[in-house]
PDB file of N, CA and C in Angstrom:
ATOM      1  N   MET A   1     -11.137  18.050 -17.417  1.00  0.00           N
ATOM      2  CA  MET A   1      -9.858  17.267 -17.594  1.00  0.00           C
ATOM      3  C   MET A   1      -8.895  17.666 -18.663  1.00  0.00           C
ATOM      4  N   PHE A   2      -7.686  17.595 -18.214  1.00  0.00           N
ATOM      5  CA  PHE A   2      -6.653  18.004 -19.345  1.00  0.00           C
ATOM      6  C   PHE A   2      -6.147  17.037 -20.170  1.00  0.00           C
ATOM      7  N   GLU A   3      -5.886  17.268 -21.199  1.00  0.00           N
ATOM      8  CA  GLU A   3      -5.340  16.114 -22.142  1.00  0.00           C
ATOM      9  C   GLU A   3      -4.021  16.591 -22.636  1.00  0.00           C
ATOM     10  N   ASP A   4      -2.785  15.616 -22.296  1.00  0.00           N
ATOM     11  CA  ASP A   4      -1.367  16.158 -22.665  1.00  0.00           C
ATOM     12  C   ASP A   4      -0.997  14.933 -23.420  1.00  0.00           C
ATOM     13  N   ALA A   5      -0.546  14.979 -24.588  1.00  0.00           N
ATOM     14  CA  ALA A   5      -0.184  13.956 -25.360  1.00  0.00           C
ATOM     15  C   ALA A   5       1.340  13.609 -24.930  1.00  0.00           C
ATOM     16  N   GLU A   6       2.002  14.432 -24.288  1.00  0.00           N
ATOM     17  CA  GLU A   6       3.270  13.894 -23.673  1.00  0.00           C
ATOM     18  C   GLU A   6       3.272  13.196 -22.401  1.00  0.00           C
ATOM     19  N   ALA A   7       2.131  13.452 -21.634  1.00  0.00           N
ATOM     20  CA  ALA A   7       1.865  12.606 -20.417  1.00  0.00           C
ATOM     21  C   ALA A   7       1.578  11.129 -20.489  1.00  0.00           C
ATOM     22  N   ALA A   8       1.614  10.428 -19.459  1.00  0.00           N
ATOM     23  CA  ALA A   8       1.377   9.043 -19.279  1.00  0.00           C
ATOM     24  C   ALA A   8       0.047   9.165 -19.745  1.00  0.00           C
ATOM     25  N   PRO A   9      -0.509   7.766 -20.340  1.00  0.00           N
ATOM     26  CA  PRO A   9      -1.994   7.692 -20.670  1.00  0.00           C
ATOM     27  C   PRO A   9      -2.815   7.448 -19.322  1.00  0.00           C
ATOM     28  N   LEU A  10      -3.822   8.315 -19.335  1.00  0.00           N
ATOM     29  CA  LEU A  10      -4.833   8.322 -18.075  1.00  0.00           C
ATOM     30  C   LEU A  10      -6.125   8.700 -18.478  1.00  0.00           C
ATOM     31  N   SER A  11      -7.119   8.036 -18.065  1.00  0.00           N
ATOM     32  CA  SER A  11      -8.461   8.179 -18.305  1.00  0.00           C
ATOM     33  C   SER A  11      -9.154   8.329 -16.914  1.00  0.00           C
ATOM     34  N   LEU A  12      -9.890   9.448 -16.841  1.00  0.00           N
ATOM     35  CA  LEU A  12     -10.631   9.641 -15.710  1.00  0.00           C
ATOM     36  C   LEU A  12     -12.151   9.905 -15.777  1.00  0.00           C
ATOM     37  N   THR A  13     -13.013   9.111 -15.273  1.00  0.00           N
ATOM     38  CA  THR A  13     -14.412   9.126 -15.283  1.00  0.00           C
ATOM     39  C   THR A  13     -15.100   9.300 -14.028  1.00  0.00           C
ATOM     40  N   THR A  14     -16.260  10.076 -13.770  1.00  0.00           N
ATOM     41  CA  THR A  14     -16.885   9.912 -12.518  1.00  0.00           C
ATOM     42  C   THR A  14     -18.248   9.517 -12.763  1.00  0.00           C
ATOM     43  N   THR A  15     -18.686   8.605 -12.053  1.00  0.00           N
ATOM     44  CA  THR A  15     -20.310   8.206 -11.973  1.00  0.00           C
ATOM     45  C   THR A  15     -20.614   8.447 -10.604  1.00  0.00           C
ATOM     46  N   VAL A  16     -21.892   8.389 -10.349  1.00  0.00           N
ATOM     47  CA  VAL A  16     -22.508   8.501  -9.029  1.00  0.00           C
ATOM     48  C   VAL A  16     -23.226   7.275  -8.672  1.00  0.00           C
ATOM     49  N   ARG A  17     -23.182   6.476  -7.702  1.00  0.00           N
ATOM     50  CA  ARG A  17     -23.832   5.494  -7.126  1.00  0.00           C
ATOM     51  C   ARG A  17     -24.244   5.606  -5.678  1.00  0.00           C
ATOM     52  N   GLU A  18     -25.584   5.527  -5.354  1.00  0.00           N
ATOM     53  CA  GLU A  18     -26.024   5.755  -4.104  1.00  0.00           C
ATOM     54  C   GLU A  18     -25.566   7.120  -3.395  1.00  0.00           C
ATOM     55  N   GLY A  19     -25.449   8.031  -4.282  1.00  0.00           N
ATOM     56  CA  GLY A  19     -25.175   9.405  -3.913  1.00  0.00           C
ATOM     57  C   GLY A  19     -23.730   9.522  -3.621  1.00  0.00           C
ATOM     58  N   VAL A  20     -23.017   8.780  -4.154  1.00  0.00           N
ATOM     59  CA  VAL A  20     -21.516   8.664  -3.807  1.00  0.00           C
ATOM     60  C   VAL A  20     -20.808   8.712  -4.967  1.00  0.00           C
ATOM     61  N   ALA A  21     -19.900   9.784  -5.285  1.00  0.00           N
ATOM     62  CA  ALA A  21     -19.195   9.976  -6.421  1.00  0.00           C
ATOM     63  C   ALA A  21     -18.017   8.786  -6.565  1.00  0.00           C
ATOM     64  N   VAL A  22     -18.029   8.118  -7.798  1.00  0.00           N
ATOM     65  CA  VAL A  22     -17.193   6.946  -7.894  1.00  0.00           C
ATOM     66  C   VAL A  22     -16.224   7.379  -8.915  1.00  0.00           C
ATOM     67  N   VAL A  23     -15.003   7.649  -8.662  1.00  0.00           N
ATOM     68  CA  VAL A  23     -14.077   7.994  -9.812  1.00  0.00           C
ATOM     69  C   VAL A  23     -13.304   6.729 -10.305  1.00  0.00           C
ATOM     70  N   HIS A  24     -13.602   6.510 -11.688  1.00  0.00           N
ATOM     71  CA  HIS A  24     -12.751   5.343 -12.179  1.00  0.00           C
ATOM     72  C   HIS A  24     -11.621   5.784 -12.887  1.00  0.00           C
ATOM     73  N   VAL A  25     -10.263   5.124 -12.543  1.00  0.00           N
ATOM     74  CA  VAL A  25      -9.099   5.483 -12.963  1.00  0.00           C
ATOM     75  C   VAL A  25      -8.522   4.416 -13.899  1.00  0.00           C
ATOM     76  N   ASP A  26      -8.330   4.652 -15.121  1.00  0.00           N
ATOM     77  CA  ASP A  26      -7.592   3.772 -16.135  1.00  0.00           C
ATOM     78  C   ASP A  26      -6.366   4.346 -16.470  1.00  0.00           C
ATOM     79  N   GLY A  27      -5.203   3.709 -16.186  1.00  0.00           N
ATOM     80  CA  GLY A  27      -3.989   4.300 -16.796  1.00  0.00           C
ATOM     81  C   GLY A  27      -2.983   4.192 -15.720  1.00  0.00           C
ATOM     82  N   VAL A  28      -1.983   5.353 -16.064  1.00  0.00           N
ATOM     83  CA  VAL A  28      -0.796   5.326 -15.003  1.00  0.00           C
ATOM     84  C   VAL A  28      -1.095   6.448 -14.088  1.00  0.00           C
ATOM     85  N   LEU A  29      -0.919   6.345 -12.569  1.00  0.00           N
ATOM     86  CA  LEU A  29      -0.836   7.314 -11.947  1.00  0.00           C
ATOM     87  C   LEU A  29       0.446   7.682 -11.364  1.00  0.00           C
ATOM     88  N   ASP A  30       1.278   8.668 -11.775  1.00  0.00           N
ATOM     89  CA  ASP A  30       2.503   9.055 -11.469  1.00  0.00           C
ATOM     90  C   ASP A  30       2.597  10.546 -11.538  1.00  0.00           C
ATOM     91  N   ALA A  31       3.950  11.101 -11.590  1.00  0.00           N
ATOM     92  CA  ALA A  31       4.174  12.497 -11.508  1.00  0.00           C
ATOM     93  C   ALA A  31       3.818  13.115 -12.772  1.00  0.00           C
ATOM     94  N   THR A  32       3.739  12.369 -13.891  1.00  0.00           N
ATOM     95  CA  THR A  32       3.241  13.234 -15.146  1.00  0.00           C
ATOM     96  C   THR A  32       1.597  13.221 -15.112  1.00  0.00           C
ATOM     97  N   THR A  33       0.771  12.467 -14.372  1.00  0.00           N
ATOM     98  CA  THR A  33      -0.599  12.415 -14.224  1.00  0.00           C
ATOM     99  C   THR A  33      -0.996  12.983 -13.176  1.00  0.00           C
ATOM    100  N   ARG A  34      -0.282  13.338 -12.194  1.00  0.00           N
ATOM    101  CA  ARG A  34      -0.711  13.731 -10.825  1.00  0.00           C
ATOM    102  C   ARG A  34      -1.503  15.032 -10.926  1.00  0.00           C
ATOM    103  N   ASP A  35      -1.403  15.864 -11.485  1.00  0.00           N
ATOM    104  CA  ASP A  35      -1.955  17.178 -11.647  1.00  0.00           C
ATOM    105  C   ASP A  35      -3.412  16.993 -12.149  1.00  0.00           C
ATOM    106  N   ARG A  36      -3.555  16.087 -13.288  1.00  0.00           N
ATOM    107  CA  ARG A  36      -4.947  15.881 -14.004  1.00  0.00           C
ATOM    108  C   ARG A  36      -5.743  15.108 -12.739  1.00  0.00           C
ATOM    109  N   PHE A  37      -5.061  13.987 -12.096  1.00  0.00           N
ATOM    110  CA  PHE A  37      -5.812  13.364 -11.185  1.00  0.00           C
ATOM    111  C   PHE A  37      -6.172  14.283 -10.032  1.00  0.00           C
ATOM    112  N   ALA A  38      -5.369  15.157  -9.467  1.00  0.00           N
ATOM    113  CA  ALA A  38      -5.762  15.894  -8.513  1.00  0.00           C
ATOM    114  C   ALA A  38      -7.006  16.914  -8.909  1.00  0.00           C
ATOM    115  N   ASP A  39      -6.910  17.329 -10.079  1.00  0.00           N
ATOM    116  CA  ASP A  39      -7.840  18.163 -10.581  1.00  0.00           C
ATOM    117  C   ASP A  39      -9.234  17.472 -10.849  1.00  0.00           C
ATOM    118  N   HIS A  40      -9.213  16.390 -11.181  1.00  0.00           N
ATOM    119  CA  HIS A  40     -10.593  15.472 -11.605  1.00  0.00           C
ATOM    120  C   HIS A  40     -11.062  15.083 -10.063  1.00  0.00           C
ATOM    121  N   LEU A  41     -10.430  14.750  -9.068  1.00  0.00           N
ATOM    122  CA  LEU A  41     -10.712  14.454  -7.833  1.00  0.00           C
ATOM    123  C   LEU A  41     -11.430  15.631  -7.164  1.00  0.00           C
ATOM    124  N   ALA A  42     -10.812  16.842  -7.154  1.00  0.00           N
ATOM    125  CA  ALA A  42     -11.162  17.963  -6.574  1.00  0.00           C
ATOM    126  C   ALA A  42     -12.741  18.280  -7.288  1.00  0.00           C
ATOM    127  N   GLY A  43     -12.714  18.189  -8.699  1.00  0.00           N
ATOM    128  CA  GLY A  43     -13.905  18.564  -9.182  1.00  0.00           C
ATOM    129  C   GLY A  43     -15.054  17.414  -8.797  1.00  0.00           C
ATOM    130  N   ALA A  44     -14.632  16.282  -8.573  1.00  0.00           N
ATOM    131  CA  ALA A  44     -15.576  15.374  -8.241  1.00  0.00           C
ATOM    132  C   ALA A  44     -16.220  15.586  -6.803  1.00  0.00           C
ATOM    133  N   VAL A  45     -15.445  16.055  -5.861  1.00  0.00           N
ATOM    134  CA  VAL A  45     -15.846  16.380  -4.677  1.00  0.00           C
ATOM    135  C   VAL A  45     -16.536  17.605  -4.494  1.00  0.00           C
ATOM    136  N   ALA A  46     -16.132  18.629  -5.247  1.00  0.00           N
ATOM    137  CA  ALA A  46     -16.838  19.910  -5.366  1.00  0.00           C
ATOM    138  C   ALA A  46     -18.159  19.737  -6.177  1.00  0.00           C
ATOM    139  N   GLU A  47     -18.477  18.762  -6.994  1.00  0.00           N
ATOM    140  CA  GLU A  47     -19.638  18.671  -7.759  1.00  0.00           C
ATOM    141  C   GLU A  47     -20.598  17.768  -6.820  1.00  0.00           C
ATOM    142  N   HIS A  48     -20.035  16.688  -6.292  1.00  0.00           N
ATOM    143  CA  HIS A  48     -20.942  15.834  -5.796  1.00  0.00           C
ATOM    144  C   HIS A  48     -20.852  15.601  -4.206  1.00  0.00           C
ATOM    145  N   GLY A  49     -19.953  16.388  -3.506  1.00  0.00           N
ATOM    146  CA  GLY A  49     -19.826  16.177  -2.038  1.00  0.00           C
ATOM    147  C   GLY A  49     -18.640  15.330  -1.645  1.00  0.00           C
ATOM    148  N   PRO A  50     -18.435  15.057  -0.453  1.00  0.00           N
ATOM    149  CA  PRO A  50     -17.222  14.615   0.120  1.00  0.00           C
ATOM    150  C   PRO A  50     -17.258  13.122   0.252  1.00  0.00           C
ATOM    151  N   ASP A  51     -18.368  12.372  -0.179  1.00  0.00           N
ATOM    152  CA  ASP A  51     -18.485  10.984  -0.275  1.00  0.00           C
ATOM    153  C   ASP A  51     -17.748  10.408  -1.538  1.00  0.00           C
ATOM    154  N   LEU A  52     -16.578   9.665  -1.403  1.00  0.00           N
ATOM    155  CA  LEU A  52     -15.827   9.315  -2.672  1.00  0.00           C
ATOM    156  C   LEU A  52     -15.311   8.088  -2.565  1.00  0.00           C
ATOM    157  N   VAL A  53     -15.499   7.188  -3.875  1.00  0.00           N
ATOM    158  CA  VAL A  53     -15.129   6.034  -4.005  1.00  0.00           C
ATOM    159  C   VAL A  53     -13.993   6.065  -5.047  1.00  0.00           C
ATOM    160  N   LEU A  54     -12.816   5.615  -4.974  1.00  0.00           N
ATOM    161  CA  LEU A  54     -11.950   5.381  -6.027  1.00  0.00           C
ATOM    162  C   LEU A  54     -11.903   4.224  -6.608  1.00  0.00           C
ATOM    163  N   ASP A  55     -12.136   3.846  -7.921  1.00  0.00           N
ATOM    164  CA  ASP A  55     -12.043   2.530  -8.482  1.00  0.00           C
ATOM    165  C   ASP A  55     -10.713   2.478  -9.199  1.00  0.00           C
ATOM    166  N   LEU A  56      -9.839   1.880  -8.712  1.00  0.00           N
ATOM    167  CA  LEU A  56      -8.315   1.568  -9.249  1.00  0.00           C
ATOM    168  C   LEU A  56      -8.253   0.443 -10.151  1.00  0.00           C
ATOM    169  N   SER A  57      -9.260  -0.291 -10.323  1.00  0.00           N
ATOM    170  CA  SER A  57      -9.057  -1.613 -11.003  1.00  0.00           C
ATOM    171  C   SER A  57      -8.446  -1.329 -12.498  1.00  0.00           C
ATOM    172  N   GLY A  58      -8.459  -0.023 -13.017  1.00  0.00           N
ATOM    173  CA  GLY A  58      -7.912   0.025 -14.420  1.00  0.00           C
ATOM    174  C   GLY A  58      -6.468   0.734 -14.289  1.00  0.00           C
ATOM    175  N   VAL A  59      -5.975   0.780 -13.260  1.00  0.00           N
ATOM    176  CA  VAL A  59      -4.593   1.435 -12.883  1.00  0.00           C
ATOM    177  C   VAL A  59      -3.590   0.365 -13.330  1.00  0.00           C
ATOM    178  N   SER A  60      -2.481   0.876 -14.150  1.00  0.00           N
ATOM    179  CA  SER A  60      -1.391   0.096 -14.653  1.00  0.00           C
ATOM    180  C   SER A  60      -0.178   0.228 -13.827  1.00  0.00           C
ATOM    181  N   PHE A  61      -0.214   1.303 -13.111  1.00  0.00           N
ATOM    182  CA  PHE A  61       1.166   1.566 -12.332  1.00  0.00           C
ATOM    183  C   PHE A  61       0.576   3.006 -11.528  1.00  0.00           C
ATOM    184  N   MET A  62       1.012   2.842 -10.271  1.00  0.00           N
ATOM    185  CA  MET A  62       0.982   3.926  -9.212  1.00  0.00           C
ATOM    186  C   MET A  62       2.217   4.173  -8.559  1.00  0.00           C
ATOM    187  N   ASP A  63       2.621   5.346  -8.491  1.00  0.00           N
ATOM    188  CA  ASP A  63       3.601   5.866  -7.776  1.00  0.00           C
ATOM    189  C   ASP A  63       3.406   6.501  -6.387  1.00  0.00           C
ATOM    190  N   SER A  64       4.554   6.934  -5.456  1.00  0.00           N
ATOM    191  CA  SER A  64       4.178   7.412  -4.280  1.00  0.00           C
ATOM    192  C   SER A  64       3.655   8.771  -4.317  1.00  0.00           C
ATOM    193  N   ARG A  65       3.773   9.595  -5.207  1.00  0.00           N
ATOM    194  CA  ARG A  65       3.198  10.870  -5.519  1.00  0.00           C
ATOM    195  C   ARG A  65       1.488  10.685  -5.614  1.00  0.00           C
ATOM    196  N   ALA A  66       1.191   9.723  -6.567  1.00  0.00           N
ATOM    197  CA  ALA A  66      -0.178   9.517  -6.515  1.00  0.00           C
ATOM    198  C   ALA A  66      -0.920   9.005  -5.332  1.00  0.00           C
ATOM    199  N   LEU A  67      -0.013   8.129  -4.726  1.00  0.00           N
ATOM    200  CA  LEU A  67      -0.541   7.617  -3.205  1.00  0.00           C
ATOM    201  C   LEU A  67      -0.506   8.850  -2.135  1.00  0.00           C
ATOM    202  N   GLY A  68       0.170   9.745  -2.346  1.00  0.00           N
ATOM    203  CA  GLY A  68       0.274  10.940  -1.398  1.00  0.00           C
ATOM    204  C   GLY A  68      -1.108  11.596  -1.668  1.00  0.00           C
ATOM    205  N   LEU A  69      -1.380  11.926  -2.873  1.00  0.00           N
ATOM    206  CA  LEU A  69      -2.568  12.546  -3.315  1.00  0.00           C
ATOM    207  C   LEU A  69      -3.841  11.746  -2.737  1.00  0.00           C
ATOM    208  N   ILE A  70      -3.940  10.352  -2.958  1.00  0.00           N
ATOM    209  CA  ILE A  70      -4.976   9.560  -2.520  1.00  0.00           C
ATOM    210  C   ILE A  70      -5.100   9.935  -1.106  1.00  0.00           C
ATOM    211  N   VAL A  71      -4.027   9.651  -0.167  1.00  0.00           N
ATOM    212  CA  VAL A  71      -4.235  10.062   1.133  1.00  0.00           C
ATOM    213  C   VAL A  71      -4.613  11.331   1.636  1.00  0.00           C
ATOM    214  N   HIS A  72      -4.152  12.188   0.791  1.00  0.00           N
ATOM    215  CA  HIS A  72      -4.729  13.688   1.168  1.00  0.00           C
ATOM    216  C   HIS A  72      -6.329  13.840   0.913  1.00  0.00           C
ATOM    217  N   PHE A  73      -6.761  13.085  -0.208  1.00  0.00           N
ATOM    218  CA  PHE A  73      -8.258  12.970  -0.453  1.00  0.00           C
ATOM    219  C   PHE A  73      -8.958  12.241   0.779  1.00  0.00           C
ATOM    220  N   TRP A  74      -8.275  11.292   1.150  1.00  0.00           N
ATOM    221  CA  TRP A  74      -8.971  10.378   2.076  1.00  0.00           C
ATOM    222  C   TRP A  74      -9.063  11.137   3.438  1.00  0.00           C
ATOM    223  N   GLN A  75      -7.876  12.019   3.913  1.00  0.00           N
ATOM    224  CA  GLN A  75      -8.048  12.860   5.035  1.00  0.00           C
ATOM    225  C   GLN A  75      -8.930  13.903   4.854  1.00  0.00           C
ATOM    226  N   THR A  76      -9.186  14.533   3.722  1.00  0.00           N
ATOM    227  CA  THR A  76      -9.940  15.728   3.709  1.00  0.00           C
ATOM    228  C   THR A  76     -11.323  15.414   3.471  1.00  0.00           C
ATOM    229  N   THR A  77     -11.657  14.363   2.871  1.00  0.00           N
ATOM    230  CA  THR A  77     -13.087  14.007   2.722  1.00  0.00           C
ATOM    231  C   THR A  77     -13.746  13.488   3.992  1.00  0.00           C
ATOM    232  N   THR A  78     -12.895  12.765   4.727  1.00  0.00           N
ATOM    233  CA  THR A  78     -13.383  12.324   6.040  1.00  0.00           C
ATOM    234  C   THR A  78     -13.489  13.189   6.882  1.00  0.00           C
ATOM    235  N   ALA A  79     -12.560  14.273   7.021  1.00  0.00           N
ATOM    236  CA  ALA A  79     -12.559  15.448   7.609  1.00  0.00           C
ATOM    237  C   ALA A  79     -13.947  16.352   7.539  1.00  0.00           C
ATOM    238  N   ALA A  80     -14.341  16.143   6.253  1.00  0.00           N
ATOM    239  CA  ALA A  80     -15.455  17.144   5.797  1.00  0.00           C
ATOM    240  C   ALA A  80     -17.036  16.279   6.325  1.00  0.00           C
ATOM    241  N   GLY A  81     -16.688  15.284   6.806  1.00  0.00           N
ATOM    242  CA  GLY A  81     -18.028  14.242   7.271  1.00  0.00           C
ATOM    243  C   GLY A  81     -18.232  13.299   6.056  1.00  0.00           C
ATOM    244  N   GLY A  82     -17.503  13.079   5.159  1.00  0.00           N
ATOM    245  CA  GLY A  82     -17.763  12.251   4.110  1.00  0.00           C
ATOM    246  C   GLY A  82     -17.004  10.940   4.286  1.00  0.00           C
ATOM    247  N   THR A  83     -17.388   9.850   3.455  1.00  0.00           N
ATOM    248  CA  THR A  83     -16.763   8.615   3.296  1.00  0.00           C
ATOM    249  C   THR A  83     -15.908   8.411   2.326  1.00  0.00           C
ATOM    250  N   PHE A  84     -14.848   7.560   2.485  1.00  0.00           N
ATOM    251  CA  PHE A  84     -13.691   7.523   1.427  1.00  0.00           C
ATOM    252  C   PHE A  84     -13.551   5.723   1.295  1.00  0.00           C
ATOM    253  N   ALA A  85     -13.545   5.320   0.230  1.00  0.00           N
ATOM    254  CA  ALA A  85     -13.074   3.888  -0.139  1.00  0.00           C
ATOM    255  C   ALA A  85     -12.429   3.803  -1.197  1.00  0.00           C
ATOM    256  N   ILE A  86     -11.706   2.816  -1.446  1.00  0.00           N
ATOM    257  CA  ILE A  86     -10.813   2.451  -2.568  1.00  0.00           C
ATOM    258  C   ILE A  86     -11.129   1.044  -3.066  1.00  0.00           C
ATOM    259  N   VAL A  87     -11.479   0.802  -4.321  1.00  0.00           N
ATOM    260  CA  VAL A  87     -11.842  -0.340  -4.775  1.00  0.00           C
ATOM    261  C   VAL A  87     -10.856  -0.920  -5.922  1.00  0.00           C
ATOM    262  N   GLY A  88     -10.764  -2.329  -6.147  1.00  0.00           N
ATOM    263  CA  GLY A  88     -10.004  -2.731  -7.419  1.00  0.00           C
ATOM    264  C   GLY A  88      -8.694  -2.577  -7.232  1.00  0.00           C
ATOM    265  N   VAL A  89      -8.082  -2.523  -6.125  1.00  0.00           N
ATOM    266  CA  VAL A  89      -6.615  -2.614  -6.136  1.00  0.00           C
ATOM    267  C   VAL A  89      -5.925  -3.924  -6.263  1.00  0.00           C
ATOM    268  N   GLU A  90      -4.878  -3.961  -7.213  1.00  0.00           N
ATOM    269  CA  GLU A  90      -4.085  -5.045  -7.430  1.00  0.00           C
ATOM    270  C   GLU A  90      -2.845  -4.847  -7.010  1.00  0.00           C
ATOM    271  N   TYR A  91      -2.345  -5.634  -6.271  1.00  0.00           N
ATOM    272  CA  TYR A  91      -0.861  -5.561  -5.548  1.00  0.00           C
ATOM    273  C   TYR A  91       0.129  -5.154  -6.736  1.00  0.00           C
ATOM    274  N   ALA A  92       0.295  -5.886  -7.714  1.00  0.00           N
ATOM    275  CA  ALA A  92       1.280  -5.710  -8.687  1.00  0.00           C
ATOM    276  C   ALA A  92       1.372  -4.529  -9.364  1.00  0.00           C
ATOM    277  N   LYS A  93       0.153  -3.780  -9.343  1.00  0.00           N
ATOM    278  CA  LYS A  93       0.230  -2.368  -9.922  1.00  0.00           C
ATOM    279  C   LYS A  93       0.251  -1.342  -8.933  1.00  0.00           C
ATOM    280  N   THR A  94       0.144  -1.692  -7.723  1.00  0.00           N
ATOM    281  CA  THR A  94       0.051  -0.452  -6.543  1.00  0.00           C
ATOM    282  C   THR A  94       0.999  -0.999  -5.382  1.00  0.00           C
ATOM    283  N   LYS A  95       2.057  -1.648  -5.705  1.00  0.00           N
ATOM    284  CA  LYS A  95       2.812  -2.007  -4.728  1.00  0.00           C
ATOM    285  C   LYS A  95       3.255  -0.973  -3.692  1.00  0.00           C
ATOM    286  N   VAL A  96       3.230   0.225  -4.154  1.00  0.00           N
ATOM    287  CA  VAL A  96       3.592   1.272  -3.052  1.00  0.00           C
ATOM    288  C   VAL A  96       2.850   1.473  -1.979  1.00  0.00           C
ATOM    289  N   MET A  97       1.474   0.881  -2.026  1.00  0.00           N
ATOM    290  CA  MET A  97       0.613   0.828  -0.969  1.00  0.00           C
ATOM    291  C   MET A  97       1.008  -0.078   0.009  1.00  0.00           C
ATOM    292  N   TRP A  98       1.731  -1.106  -0.281  1.00  0.00           N
ATOM    293  CA  TRP A  98       2.037  -1.926   0.732  1.00  0.00           C
ATOM    294  C   TRP A  98       3.609  -1.828   1.187  1.00  0.00           C
ATOM    295  N   VAL A  99       4.252  -1.149   0.213  1.00  0.00           N
ATOM    296  CA  VAL A  99       5.812  -0.719   0.644  1.00  0.00           C
ATOM    297  C   VAL A  99       5.603   0.209   1.733  1.00  0.00           C
ATOM    298  N   THR A 100       4.592   1.072   1.513  1.00  0.00           N
ATOM    299  CA  THR A 100       4.620   2.072   2.696  1.00  0.00           C
ATOM    300  C   THR A 100       3.754   1.702   3.991  1.00  0.00           C
ATOM    301  N   GLY A 101       3.006   0.731   3.920  1.00  0.00           N
ATOM    302  CA  GLY A 101       2.210   0.217   4.887  1.00  0.00           C
ATOM    303  C   GLY A 101       0.886   0.901   4.975  1.00  0.00           C
ATOM    304  N   LEU A 102       0.381   1.485   3.971  1.00  0.00           N
ATOM    305  CA  LEU A 102      -0.742   2.223   3.974  1.00  0.00           C
ATOM    306  C   LEU A 102      -1.918   1.274   3.489  1.00  0.00           C
ATOM    307  N   ALA A 103      -1.544   0.297   2.866  1.00  0.00           N
ATOM    308  CA  ALA A 103      -2.563  -0.812   2.384  1.00  0.00           C
ATOM    309  C   ALA A 103      -3.325  -1.308   3.651  1.00  0.00           C
ATOM    310  N   HIS A 104      -2.721  -1.308   4.822  1.00  0.00           N
ATOM    311  CA  HIS A 104      -3.229  -1.717   5.883  1.00  0.00           C
ATOM    312  C   HIS A 104      -4.088  -0.617   6.726  1.00  0.00           C
ATOM    313  N   ARG A 105      -3.988   0.592   6.383  1.00  0.00           N
ATOM    314  CA  ARG A 105      -4.784   1.644   6.819  1.00  0.00           C
ATOM    315  C   ARG A 105      -5.745   2.304   6.017  1.00  0.00           C
ATOM    316  N   LEU A 106      -5.510   2.246   4.827  1.00  0.00           N
ATOM    317  CA  LEU A 106      -6.723   2.842   3.722  1.00  0.00           C
ATOM    318  C   LEU A 106      -7.796   1.783   3.831  1.00  0.00           C
ATOM    319  N   PRO A 107      -8.971   2.315   3.507  1.00  0.00           N
ATOM    320  CA  PRO A 107      -9.996   1.719   3.394  1.00  0.00           C
ATOM    321  C   PRO A 107     -10.385   0.986   1.988  1.00  0.00           C
ATOM    322  N   LEU A 108      -9.831  -0.339   1.901  1.00  0.00           N
ATOM    323  CA  LEU A 108      -9.663  -1.061   0.799  1.00  0.00           C
ATOM    324  C   LEU A 108     -10.942  -2.073   0.411  1.00  0.00           C
ATOM    325  N   TYR A 109     -11.473  -2.148  -0.414  1.00  0.00           N
ATOM    326  CA  TYR A 109     -12.540  -3.186  -0.771  1.00  0.00           C
ATOM    327  C   TYR A 109     -12.287  -3.746  -2.018  1.00  0.00           C
ATOM    328  N   ASP A 110     -12.604  -5.132  -2.091  1.00  0.00           N
ATOM    329  CA  ASP A 110     -12.601  -5.897  -3.322  1.00  0.00           C
ATOM    330  C   ASP A 110     -13.331  -5.056  -4.459  1.00  0.00           C
ATOM    331  N   THR A 111     -14.745  -4.702  -4.181  1.00  0.00           N
ATOM    332  CA  THR A 111     -15.530  -4.339  -5.161  1.00  0.00           C
ATOM    333  C   THR A 111     -16.340  -3.094  -4.817  1.00  0.00           C
ATOM    334  N   LEU A 112     -16.969  -2.461  -5.739  1.00  0.00           N
ATOM    335  CA  LEU A 112     -17.715  -1.164  -5.391  1.00  0.00           C
ATOM    336  C   LEU A 112     -18.875  -1.569  -4.613  1.00  0.00           C
ATOM    337  N   GLU A 113     -19.607  -2.764  -4.753  1.00  0.00           N
ATOM    338  CA  GLU A 113     -20.771  -3.207  -3.975  1.00  0.00           C
ATOM    339  C   GLU A 113     -20.346  -3.337  -2.644  1.00  0.00           C
ATOM    340  N   ALA A 114     -19.267  -3.895  -2.200  1.00  0.00           N
ATOM    341  CA  ALA A 114     -18.660  -4.132  -0.960  1.00  0.00           C
ATOM    342  C   ALA A 114     -18.384  -2.662  -0.158  1.00  0.00           C
ATOM    343  N   ALA A 115     -17.740  -1.816  -1.009  1.00  0.00           N
ATOM    344  CA  ALA A 115     -17.647  -0.620  -0.161  1.00  0.00           C
ATOM    345  C   ALA A 115     -18.825   0.200  -0.236  1.00  0.00           C
ATOM    346  N   LEU A 116     -19.823   0.196  -0.909  1.00  0.00           N
ATOM    347  CA  LEU A 116     -21.109   0.887  -0.683  1.00  0.00           C
ATOM    348  C   LEU A 116     -21.871   0.118   0.368  1.00  0.00           C
ATOM    349  N   ALA A 117     -21.819  -1.178   0.682  1.00  0.00           N
ATOM    350  CA  ALA A 117     -22.461  -1.929   1.648  1.00  0.00           C
ATOM    351  C   ALA A 117     -21.724  -1.423   3.046  1.00  0.00           C
ATOM    352  N   ALA A 118     -20.499  -1.324   3.009  1.00  0.00           N
ATOM    353  CA  ALA A 118     -20.011  -0.744   4.363  1.00  0.00           C
ATOM    354  C   ALA A 118     -20.349   0.574   4.478  1.00  0.00           C
ATOM    355  N   ARG A 119     -20.360   1.336   3.717  1.00  0.00           N
ATOM    356  CA  ARG A 119     -21.126   2.732   3.828  1.00  0.00           C
ATOM    357  C   ARG A 119     -22.367   2.753   4.516  1.00  0.00           C
ATOM    358  N   ARG A 120     -23.221   1.782   4.028  1.00  0.00           N
ATOM    359  CA  ARG A 120     -24.457   1.689   4.500  1.00  0.00           C
ATOM    360  C   ARG A 120     -24.512   0.988   5.891  1.00  0.00           C
ATOM    361  N   GLY A 121     -23.526   0.294   6.258  1.00  0.00           N
ATOM    362  CA  GLY A 121     -23.378  -0.280   7.614  1.00  0.00           C
ATOM    363  C   GLY A 121     -23.754  -1.845   7.286  1.00  0.00           C
ATOM    364  N   ALA A 122     -24.074  -2.086   6.175  1.00  0.00           N
ATOM    365  CA  ALA A 122     -24.430  -3.519   5.930  1.00  0.00           C
ATOM    366  C   ALA A 122     -23.600  -4.657   6.080  1.00  0.00           C
TER     367      ALA A 122
END
């Protein structure tokens, strides 16, 4: 992960639950953090495989560039036979998902447990 003092604050960590990489995002997802976000997601998929959950509960703001990156990883992970989910989305901080209509297409779940249960088919 790159650290740039001039960029917006962003913390990215990855944990693994039930064999699924869970990327925890805290901070701002915008043009200044997009490359770090992209690198982290690519690293998580390379290390843990195409099953991916994004935990956006710590996001304070997200712009359309970050959303485009999320859509890209949704498409590439599912095309590789993986599963993809997003948890912890708050409308006020991720309005771009609703403005674009993608909130109704992306696999959104309230909690990590709900996303993992859906993956298991429970």
